[in-house]
C-alpha atoms as a PDB file:
ATOM      1  CA  MET A   1       0.000   0.000   0.000  1.00  0.00           C
ATOM      2  CA  SER A   2       2.785   2.463   0.891  1.00  0.00           C
ATOM      3  CA  LEU A   3       4.524   1.691  -2.414  1.00  0.00           C
ATOM      4  CA  LEU A   4       1.348   2.662  -4.257  1.00  0.00           C
ATOM      5  CA  LEU A   5       1.180   5.997  -2.379  1.00  0.00           C
ATOM      6  CA  ILE A   6       4.821   6.728  -3.192  1.00  0.00           C
ATOM      7  CA  ALA A   7       4.202   5.960  -6.884  1.00  0.00           C
ATOM      8  CA  LEU A   8       1.108   8.219  -6.957  1.00  0.00           C
ATOM      9  CA  PHE A   9       2.941  11.009  -5.167  1.00  0.00           C
ATOM     10  CA  THR A  10       5.923  10.724  -7.553  1.00  0.00           C
ATOM     11  CA  GLY A  11       3.623  10.727 -10.567  1.00  0.00           C
ATOM     12  CA  ALA A  12       1.720  13.777  -9.356  1.00  0.00           C
ATOM     13  CA  ALA A  13       4.958  15.623  -8.568  1.00  0.00           C
ATOM     14  CA  SER A  14       6.339  14.774 -12.011  1.00  0.00           C
ATOM     15  CA  PHE A  15       3.172  16.011 -13.725  1.00  0.00           C
ATOM     16  CA  LEU A  16       3.180  19.287 -11.782  1.00  0.00           C
ATOM     17  CA  SER A  17       6.889  19.819 -12.460  1.00  0.00           C
ATOM     18  CA  TYR A  18       6.377  19.202 -16.159  1.00  0.00           C
ATOM     19  CA  PHE A  19       3.451  21.639 -16.235  1.00  0.00           C
ATOM     20  CA  ALA A  20       5.421  24.309 -14.373  1.00  0.00           C
ATOM     21  CA  ILE A  21       8.485  24.001 -16.605  1.00  0.00           C
ATOM     22  CA  ARG A  22       6.591  23.892 -19.891  1.00  0.00           C
ATOM     23  CA  ARG A  23       3.871  26.463 -19.190  1.00  0.00           C
ATOM     24  CA  LEU A  24       4.651  28.764 -16.301  1.00  0.00           C
ATOM     25  CA  TYR A  25       8.419  29.233 -16.587  1.00  0.00           C
ATOM     26  CA  PRO A  26       8.399  30.753 -20.129  1.00  0.00           C
ATOM     27  CA  GLU A  27       5.651  33.176 -19.100  1.00  0.00           C
ATOM     28  CA  LEU A  28       7.642  34.233 -16.048  1.00  0.00           C
ATOM     29  CA  VAL A  29      10.802  34.741 -18.119  1.00  0.00           C
ATOM     30  CA  GLU A  30       8.934  36.799 -20.719  1.00  0.00           C
ATOM     31  CA  LYS A  31       7.229  38.946 -18.094  1.00  0.00           C
ATOM     32  CA  LYS A  32      10.473  39.772 -16.288  1.00  0.00           C
ATOM     33  CA  ALA A  33      12.564  40.403 -19.422  1.00  0.00           C
ATOM     34  CA  TYR A  34       9.948  42.349 -21.395  1.00  0.00           C
ATOM     35  CA  LYS A  35      10.163  45.575 -19.390  1.00  0.00           C
ATOM     36  CA  HIS A  36      13.960  45.647 -19.410  1.00  0.00           C
ATOM     37  CA  LEU A  37      14.134  45.056 -23.148  1.00  0.00           C
ATOM     38  CA  GLU A  38      11.463  47.645 -23.839  1.00  0.00           C
ATOM     39  CA  ASP A  39      13.510  50.271 -21.979  1.00  0.00           C
ATOM     40  CA  ILE A  40      16.676  49.299 -23.861  1.00  0.00           C
ATOM     41  CA  LEU A  41      15.251  48.956 -27.378  1.00  0.00           C
ATOM     42  CA  PHE A  42      12.746  51.815 -27.235  1.00  0.00           C
ATOM     43  CA  PRO A  43      14.493  54.635 -25.369  1.00  0.00           C
ATOM     44  CA  GLU A  44      12.096  57.192 -26.886  1.00  0.00           C
ATOM     45  CA  GLY A  45       9.020  55.343 -25.655  1.00  0.00           C
ATOM     46  CA  ASN A  46       5.717  54.426 -27.274  1.00  0.00           C
ATOM     47  CA  ARG A  47       6.184  56.607 -30.352  1.00  0.00           C
ATOM     48  CA  GLN A  48       9.247  54.642 -31.396  1.00  0.00           C
ATOM     49  CA  LYS A  49       7.484  51.372 -30.607  1.00  0.00           C
ATOM     50  CA  ALA A  50       4.512  52.373 -32.787  1.00  0.00           C
ATOM     51  CA  GLU A  51       6.840  53.196 -35.697  1.00  0.00           C
ATOM     52  CA  VAL A  52       8.494  49.786 -35.440  1.00  0.00           C
ATOM     53  CA  LEU A  53       5.139  48.008 -35.353  1.00  0.00           C
ATOM     54  CA  LYS A  54       3.913  49.999 -38.356  1.00  0.00           C
ATOM     55  CA  ALA A  55       7.022  49.102 -40.373  1.00  0.00           C
ATOM     56  CA  PHE A  56       6.703  45.472 -39.295  1.00  0.00           C
ATOM     57  CA  ARG A  57       3.033  45.349 -40.381  1.00  0.00           C
ATOM     58  CA  GLU A  58       3.943  46.726 -43.803  1.00  0.00           C
ATOM     59  CA  MET A  59       6.689  44.111 -44.221  1.00  0.00           C
ATOM     60  CA  THR A  60       4.538  41.143 -43.291  1.00  0.00           C
ATOM     61  CA  GLY A  61       1.194  42.238 -44.678  1.00  0.00           C
ATOM     62  CA  GLU A  62      -0.403  42.306 -41.209  1.00  0.00           C
ATOM     63  CA  ARG A  63      -0.170  38.518 -40.793  1.00  0.00           C
ATOM     64  CA  PHE A  64       0.920  38.610 -37.161  1.00  0.00           C
ATOM     65  CA  SER A  65      -0.417  40.068 -33.943  1.00  0.00           C
ATOM     66  CA  GLU A  66       1.301  42.891 -32.107  1.00  0.00           C
ATOM     67  CA  GLU A  67       2.734  40.660 -29.375  1.00  0.00           C
ATOM     68  CA  GLU A  68       4.140  38.206 -31.932  1.00  0.00           C
ATOM     69  CA  MET A  69       5.836  41.030 -33.818  1.00  0.00           C
ATOM     70  CA  LEU A  70       7.270  42.495 -30.621  1.00  0.00           C
ATOM     71  CA  ASP A  71       8.529  39.084 -29.540  1.00  0.00           C
ATOM     72  CA  TYR A  72      10.391  38.667 -32.824  1.00  0.00           C
ATOM     73  CA  PHE A  73      11.757  42.207 -32.736  1.00  0.00           C
ATOM     74  CA  PHE A  74      12.896  41.948 -29.104  1.00  0.00           C
ATOM     75  CA  LYS A  75      14.687  38.660 -29.651  1.00  0.00           C
ATOM     76  CA  ILE A  76      16.435  39.566 -32.902  1.00  0.00           C
ATOM     77  CA  LYS A  77      17.368  43.163 -32.097  1.00  0.00           C
ATOM     78  CA  GLY A  78      18.045  42.313 -28.451  1.00  0.00           C
ATOM     79  CA  LEU A  79      20.656  39.750 -29.468  1.00  0.00           C
ATOM     80  CA  GLN A  80      22.241  42.309 -31.788  1.00  0.00           C
ATOM     81  CA  SER A  81      22.295  45.209 -29.363  1.00  0.00           C
ATOM     82  CA  ILE A  82      22.990  43.663 -25.971  1.00  0.00           C
ATOM     83  CA  GLU A  83      26.412  42.271 -25.307  1.00  0.00           C
ATOM     84  CA  ILE A  84      25.505  38.904 -23.828  1.00  0.00           C
ATOM     85  CA  ASN A  85      29.006  38.140 -22.551  1.00  0.00           C
ATOM     86  CA  SER A  86      28.948  41.180 -20.314  1.00  0.00           C
ATOM     87  CA  LYS A  87      27.027  41.291 -17.063  1.00  0.00           C
ATOM     88  CA  THR A  88      23.445  40.930 -18.301  1.00  0.00           C
ATOM     89  CA  ASN A  89      20.216  40.264 -16.456  1.00  0.00           C
ATOM     90  CA  PHE A  90      19.451  36.526 -16.052  1.00  0.00           C
ATOM     91  CA  TRP A  91      15.877  36.907 -17.326  1.00  0.00           C
ATOM     92  CA  ILE A  92      16.977  38.814 -20.425  1.00  0.00           C
ATOM     93  CA  LYS A  93      19.481  36.082 -21.312  1.00  0.00           C
ATOM     94  CA  ARG A  94      16.852  33.374 -20.884  1.00  0.00           C
ATOM     95  CA  TYR A  95      14.332  35.296 -22.971  1.00  0.00           C
ATOM     96  CA  LEU A  96      16.727  36.146 -25.808  1.00  0.00           C
ATOM     97  CA  PHE A  97      17.944  32.580 -26.162  1.00  0.00           C
ATOM     98  CA  SER A  98      14.450  31.130 -26.426  1.00  0.00           C
ATOM     99  CA  PRO A  99      13.002  30.596 -29.938  1.00  0.00           C
ATOM    100  CA  THR A 100      10.765  33.211 -31.530  1.00  0.00           C
ATOM    101  CA  ILE A 101       7.024  32.644 -31.714  1.00  0.00           C
ATOM    102  CA  ILE A 102       6.800  33.463 -35.424  1.00  0.00           C
ATOM    103  CA  LYS A 103       8.901  32.442 -38.378  1.00  0.00           C
ATOM    104  CA  LEU A 104       9.364  34.900 -41.219  1.00  0.00           C
ATOM    105  CA  ASN A 105       9.947  33.706 -44.755  1.00  0.00           C
ATOM    106  CA  TYR A 106      13.222  34.561 -46.481  1.00  0.00           C
ATOM    107  CA  PHE A 107      11.982  37.739 -48.175  1.00  0.00           C
ATOM    108  CA  GLU A 108      10.454  39.065 -44.959  1.00  0.00           C
ATOM    109  CA  GLN A 109      13.692  38.381 -43.102  1.00  0.00           C
ATOM    110  CA  VAL A 110      15.667  40.322 -45.697  1.00  0.00           C
ATOM    111  CA  LYS A 111      13.237  43.252 -45.416  1.00  0.00           C
ATOM    112  CA  PHE A 112      13.455  43.060 -41.631  1.00  0.00           C
ATOM    113  CA  TYR A 113      17.248  43.280 -41.594  1.00  0.00           C
ATOM    114  CA  LYS A 114      17.312  46.051 -44.202  1.00  0.00           C
ATOM    115  CA  THR A 115      14.698  48.054 -42.307  1.00  0.00           C
ATOM    116  CA  PHE A 116      16.100  47.633 -38.819  1.00  0.00           C
ATOM    117  CA  LEU A 117      19.818  47.290 -39.543  1.00  0.00           C
ATOM    118  CA  ASN A 118      20.658  50.743 -38.203  1.00  0.00           C
ATOM    119  CA  PHE A 119      17.802  50.948 -35.738  1.00  0.00           C
ATOM    120  CA  PRO A 120      18.752  53.494 -33.052  1.00  0.00           C
ATOM    121  CA  VAL A 121      19.437  51.427 -29.978  1.00  0.00           C
ATOM    122  CA  ALA A 122      20.486  52.673 -26.570  1.00  0.00           C
ATOM    123  CA  ARG A 123      23.314  50.317 -25.726  1.00  0.00           C
ATOM    124  CA  MET A 124      23.932  49.331 -22.162  1.00  0.00           C
ATOM    125  CA  ASP A 125      27.570  50.387 -22.361  1.00  0.00           C
ATOM    126  CA  SER A 126      28.673  53.995 -22.796  1.00  0.00           C
ATOM    127  CA  PRO A 127      28.346  55.544 -26.247  1.00  0.00           C
ATOM    128  CA  ALA A 128      31.447  55.509 -28.405  1.00  0.00           C
ATOM    129  CA  LYS A 129      33.420  58.713 -28.661  1.00  0.00           C
ATOM    130  CA  PRO A 130      34.129  59.999 -32.148  1.00  0.00           C
ATOM    131  CA  THR A 131      37.573  59.138 -33.451  1.00  0.00           C
ATOM    132  CA  PRO A 132      39.523  61.479 -35.702  1.00  0.00           C
ATOM    133  CA  SER A 133      39.214  59.104 -38.663  1.00  0.00           C
ATOM    134  CA  SER A 134      35.388  58.927 -38.442  1.00  0.00           C
ATOM    135  CA  ALA A 135      34.867  62.659 -37.924  1.00  0.00           C
ATOM    136  CA  LYS A 136      34.534  65.374 -40.544  1.00  0.00           C
ATOM    137  CA  PRO A 137      37.653  67.490 -41.268  1.00  0.00           C
ATOM    138  CA  ASN A 138      36.515  70.383 -39.054  1.00  0.00           C
ATOM    139  CA  GLU A 139      35.579  68.018 -36.241  1.00  0.00           C
ATOM    140  CA  ARG A 140      38.983  66.294 -36.562  1.00  0.00           C
ATOM    141  CA  GLN A 141      40.742  69.558 -35.805  1.00  0.00           C
ATOM    142  CA  GLN A 142      38.570  70.088 -32.733  1.00  0.00           C
ATOM    143  CA  ILE A 143      39.257  66.561 -31.483  1.00  0.00           C
ATOM    144  CA  HIS A 144      43.006  66.993 -31.953  1.00  0.00           C
ATOM    145  CA  GLN A 145      42.887  70.350 -30.165  1.00  0.00           C
ATOM    146  CA  LYS A 146      41.026  68.826 -27.211  1.00  0.00           C
ATOM    147  CA  LYS A 147      43.564  66.005 -27.016  1.00  0.00           C
ATOM    148  CA  ALA A 148      46.430  68.478 -27.127  1.00  0.00           C
ATOM    149  CA  ILE A 149      44.852  70.536 -24.322  1.00  0.00           C
ATOM    150  CA  ARG A 150      44.355  67.413 -22.179  1.00  0.00           C
ATOM    151  CA  LEU A 151      47.963  66.336 -22.792  1.00  0.00           C
ATOM    152  CA  SER A 152      49.328  69.739 -21.923  1.00  0.00           C
ATOM    153  CA  LYS A 153      47.278  69.839 -18.699  1.00  0.00           C
ATOM    154  CA  SER A 154      48.403  66.348 -17.699  1.00  0.00           C
ATOM    155  CA  THR A 155      52.102  67.151 -18.227  1.00  0.00           C
ATOM    156  CA  GLN A 156      51.979  70.348 -16.154  1.00  0.00           C
END
């Protein structure tokens, strides 16, 4: 009789564990990572988000819902813009490495990458300073002058 109770208890625990891992855990990961990613990928707020959704609808012919489009955008652009090897939130890593809900065909993927290749993203690290080679000629002179001033101050 006690062996039967242990088997029932083990079976029930296995079923509940399976349910929790397959159903509840992905929802928890998405909920916790969504807000962080929204702040990182849409620094300008809802206006920028609406523009992305509008462009996405035009690319796909309005085949997908808003949450499916955002899921795809967050996962693809999140992987491109967040340096995963640096100290990153656990929930964001879990969310970004999970598969996307939707699958775009080849032509839609090409349009997606062309449209959002240079999407303005607020990176988590500090913004890059302009280098003399990437600046315009007038800006190069200003950069060199600033460097010379800093060097002269540091040597005094």
